[in-house]
């Protein structure tokens, strides 16, 4: 079953979440969001990794397409980009502003292929 991990700041306010599950010996992340994704994604994933790796989580796959700043936060938290990601298709009438990854925030829960 999917589980939700909530992150709280010092005042007790929710500042992020990770939706995840154990699947075939690894931890699968379905969705995540931080209150300020450009600054809080790294600490969110550092804290989540400590939780997820015990007792059996050896690998934590995360799918993300969007802002380079959020992707950098994931890398800074120890995530490694893998080559050969699934393509993202845009319709012919898609406005140019939406063709940039900066306009998107997609996780594996947004993938309609499965």
C-alpha atoms as a PDB file:
ATOM      1  CA  UNK A   1       0.000   0.000   0.000  1.00  0.00           C
ATOM      2  CA  UNK A   2       1.029   3.584  -0.617  1.00  0.00           C
ATOM      3  CA  UNK A   3       2.045   5.582   2.443  1.00  0.00           C
ATOM      4  CA  UNK A   4       2.377   9.323   3.020  1.00  0.00           C
ATOM      5  CA  UNK A   5       5.393  10.747   4.808  1.00  0.00           C
ATOM      6  CA  UNK A   6       4.767  14.295   6.045  1.00  0.00           C
ATOM      7  CA  UNK A   7       7.568  16.707   6.862  1.00  0.00           C
ATOM      8  CA  UNK A   8       6.975  19.394   9.482  1.00  0.00           C
ATOM      9  CA  UNK A   9       8.901  22.544  10.246  1.00  0.00           C
ATOM     10  CA  UNK A  10       9.924  23.538  13.787  1.00  0.00           C
ATOM     11  CA  UNK A  11       6.529  25.161  14.408  1.00  0.00           C
ATOM     12  CA  UNK A  12       4.705  21.945  13.468  1.00  0.00           C
ATOM     13  CA  UNK A  13       3.420  23.182  10.102  1.00  0.00           C
ATOM     14  CA  UNK A  14       3.493  20.689   7.223  1.00  0.00           C
ATOM     15  CA  UNK A  15       6.194  21.762   4.781  1.00  0.00           C
ATOM     16  CA  UNK A  16       6.233  18.785   2.423  1.00  0.00           C
ATOM     17  CA  UNK A  17       5.211  15.219   1.708  1.00  0.00           C
ATOM     18  CA  UNK A  18       6.425  12.085  -0.037  1.00  0.00           C
ATOM     19  CA  UNK A  19       4.001   9.372  -1.186  1.00  0.00           C
ATOM     20  CA  UNK A  20       5.839   6.039  -1.255  1.00  0.00           C
ATOM     21  CA  UNK A  21       5.680   2.271  -0.896  1.00  0.00           C
ATOM     22  CA  UNK A  22       7.937  -0.744  -0.574  1.00  0.00           C
ATOM     23  CA  UNK A  23       7.884  -2.662  -3.877  1.00  0.00           C
ATOM     24  CA  UNK A  24      10.003  -5.754  -4.624  1.00  0.00           C
ATOM     25  CA  UNK A  25      12.827  -4.849  -2.259  1.00  0.00           C
ATOM     26  CA  UNK A  26      13.050  -1.161  -3.040  1.00  0.00           C
ATOM     27  CA  UNK A  27      11.242   2.011  -2.072  1.00  0.00           C
ATOM     28  CA  UNK A  28       9.143   3.540  -4.838  1.00  0.00           C
ATOM     29  CA  UNK A  29       8.266   7.245  -4.697  1.00  0.00           C
ATOM     30  CA  UNK A  30       4.986   8.063  -6.413  1.00  0.00           C
ATOM     31  CA  UNK A  31       4.717  11.765  -5.655  1.00  0.00           C
ATOM     32  CA  UNK A  32       6.378  14.487  -3.617  1.00  0.00           C
ATOM     33  CA  UNK A  33       6.014  18.199  -3.016  1.00  0.00           C
ATOM     34  CA  UNK A  34       7.629  20.704  -0.689  1.00  0.00           C
ATOM     35  CA  UNK A  35       6.112  24.018   0.347  1.00  0.00           C
ATOM     36  CA  UNK A  36       9.001  25.750  -1.435  1.00  0.00           C
ATOM     37  CA  UNK A  37      10.244  23.142  -3.935  1.00  0.00           C
ATOM     38  CA  UNK A  38      13.303  25.195  -4.902  1.00  0.00           C
ATOM     39  CA  UNK A  39      14.731  25.186  -1.366  1.00  0.00           C
ATOM     40  CA  UNK A  40      12.998  22.418   0.594  1.00  0.00           C
ATOM     41  CA  UNK A  41      13.179  19.430  -1.782  1.00  0.00           C
ATOM     42  CA  UNK A  42      16.717  18.529  -0.698  1.00  0.00           C
ATOM     43  CA  UNK A  43      15.998  18.478   3.058  1.00  0.00           C
ATOM     44  CA  UNK A  44      12.704  16.673   2.388  1.00  0.00           C
ATOM     45  CA  UNK A  45      14.501  13.863   0.545  1.00  0.00           C
ATOM     46  CA  UNK A  46      17.409  13.690   2.982  1.00  0.00           C
ATOM     47  CA  UNK A  47      14.942  13.160   5.841  1.00  0.00           C
ATOM     48  CA  UNK A  48      12.802  10.752   3.807  1.00  0.00           C
ATOM     49  CA  UNK A  49      15.836   8.668   2.788  1.00  0.00           C
ATOM     50  CA  UNK A  50      16.699   8.080   6.444  1.00  0.00           C
ATOM     51  CA  UNK A  51      13.183   6.732   7.014  1.00  0.00           C
ATOM     52  CA  UNK A  52      12.864   4.781   3.771  1.00  0.00           C
ATOM     53  CA  UNK A  53      16.184   2.960   3.920  1.00  0.00           C
ATOM     54  CA  UNK A  54      15.276   1.105   7.078  1.00  0.00           C
ATOM     55  CA  UNK A  55      14.833  -1.753   7.298  1.00  0.00           C
ATOM     56  CA  UNK A  56      14.901  -2.961   3.674  1.00  0.00           C
ATOM     57  CA  UNK A  57      15.014   0.011   1.319  1.00  0.00           C
ATOM     58  CA  UNK A  58      18.180  -0.141  -0.738  1.00  0.00           C
ATOM     59  CA  UNK A  59      17.090   1.933  -3.725  1.00  0.00           C
ATOM     60  CA  UNK A  60      14.743   4.914  -3.962  1.00  0.00           C
ATOM     61  CA  UNK A  61      13.633   5.526  -7.568  1.00  0.00           C
ATOM     62  CA  UNK A  62      12.131   8.984  -8.125  1.00  0.00           C
ATOM     63  CA  UNK A  63      10.599  10.249 -11.365  1.00  0.00           C
ATOM     64  CA  UNK A  64      10.560  14.001 -11.923  1.00  0.00           C
ATOM     65  CA  UNK A  65      10.214  16.332 -14.898  1.00  0.00           C
ATOM     66  CA  UNK A  66      10.247  20.037 -14.229  1.00  0.00           C
ATOM     67  CA  UNK A  67      12.302  22.888 -12.882  1.00  0.00           C
ATOM     68  CA  UNK A  68      16.075  22.550 -13.085  1.00  0.00           C
ATOM     69  CA  UNK A  69      16.246  24.010  -9.570  1.00  0.00           C
ATOM     70  CA  UNK A  70      14.079  21.197  -8.171  1.00  0.00           C
ATOM     71  CA  UNK A  71      16.112  18.625 -10.129  1.00  0.00           C
ATOM     72  CA  UNK A  72      19.272  20.124  -8.589  1.00  0.00           C
ATOM     73  CA  UNK A  73      17.707  19.774  -5.126  1.00  0.00           C
ATOM     74  CA  UNK A  74      17.117  16.066  -5.856  1.00  0.00           C
ATOM     75  CA  UNK A  75      20.739  15.640  -6.992  1.00  0.00           C
ATOM     76  CA  UNK A  76      21.961  17.472  -3.885  1.00  0.00           C
ATOM     77  CA  UNK A  77      19.976  14.959  -1.808  1.00  0.00           C
ATOM     78  CA  UNK A  78      21.891  12.106  -3.460  1.00  0.00           C
ATOM     79  CA  UNK A  79      19.535  11.173  -6.280  1.00  0.00           C
ATOM     80  CA  UNK A  80      21.263  10.243  -9.536  1.00  0.00           C
ATOM     81  CA  UNK A  81      19.673  10.912 -12.931  1.00  0.00           C
ATOM     82  CA  UNK A  82      19.443   7.844 -15.132  1.00  0.00           C
ATOM     83  CA  UNK A  83      19.617   8.086 -18.925  1.00  0.00           C
ATOM     84  CA  UNK A  84      16.794   6.940 -21.177  1.00  0.00           C
ATOM     85  CA  UNK A  85      13.839   8.570 -19.489  1.00  0.00           C
ATOM     86  CA  UNK A  86      10.369   8.236 -21.013  1.00  0.00           C
ATOM     87  CA  UNK A  87       9.499  10.979 -23.513  1.00  0.00           C
ATOM     88  CA  UNK A  88       7.003  13.709 -22.783  1.00  0.00           C
ATOM     89  CA  UNK A  89       4.727  14.507 -25.709  1.00  0.00           C
ATOM     90  CA  UNK A  90       3.173  17.920 -26.342  1.00  0.00           C
ATOM     91  CA  UNK A  91       0.436  18.630 -28.861  1.00  0.00           C
ATOM     92  CA  UNK A  92       1.098  20.722 -31.946  1.00  0.00           C
ATOM     93  CA  UNK A  93      -0.944  23.608 -30.523  1.00  0.00           C
ATOM     94  CA  UNK A  94       0.944  23.688 -27.201  1.00  0.00           C
ATOM     95  CA  UNK A  95       1.986  27.283 -26.395  1.00  0.00           C
ATOM     96  CA  UNK A  96       5.765  27.790 -26.459  1.00  0.00           C
ATOM     97  CA  UNK A  97       5.798  28.767 -22.768  1.00  0.00           C
ATOM     98  CA  UNK A  98       4.664  25.236 -21.878  1.00  0.00           C
ATOM     99  CA  UNK A  99       7.449  23.510 -23.814  1.00  0.00           C
ATOM    100  CA  UNK A 100      10.060  24.382 -21.200  1.00  0.00           C
ATOM    101  CA  UNK A 101      10.580  21.965 -18.277  1.00  0.00           C
ATOM    102  CA  UNK A 102      10.385  25.036 -16.015  1.00  0.00           C
ATOM    103  CA  UNK A 103       6.612  25.146 -16.683  1.00  0.00           C
ATOM    104  CA  UNK A 104       6.059  21.615 -15.335  1.00  0.00           C
ATOM    105  CA  UNK A 105       6.113  19.630 -12.094  1.00  0.00           C
ATOM    106  CA  UNK A 106       5.507  15.986 -12.985  1.00  0.00           C
ATOM    107  CA  UNK A 107       6.130  12.879 -10.891  1.00  0.00           C
ATOM    108  CA  UNK A 108       5.429   9.201 -11.513  1.00  0.00           C
ATOM    109  CA  UNK A 109       1.835   9.713 -10.344  1.00  0.00           C
ATOM    110  CA  UNK A 110       1.377  11.933 -13.419  1.00  0.00           C
ATOM    111  CA  UNK A 111       2.503   9.158 -15.782  1.00  0.00           C
ATOM    112  CA  UNK A 112      -0.475   7.720 -17.666  1.00  0.00           C
ATOM    113  CA  UNK A 113       1.590   4.935 -19.247  1.00  0.00           C
ATOM    114  CA  UNK A 114       1.095   2.471 -16.393  1.00  0.00           C
END
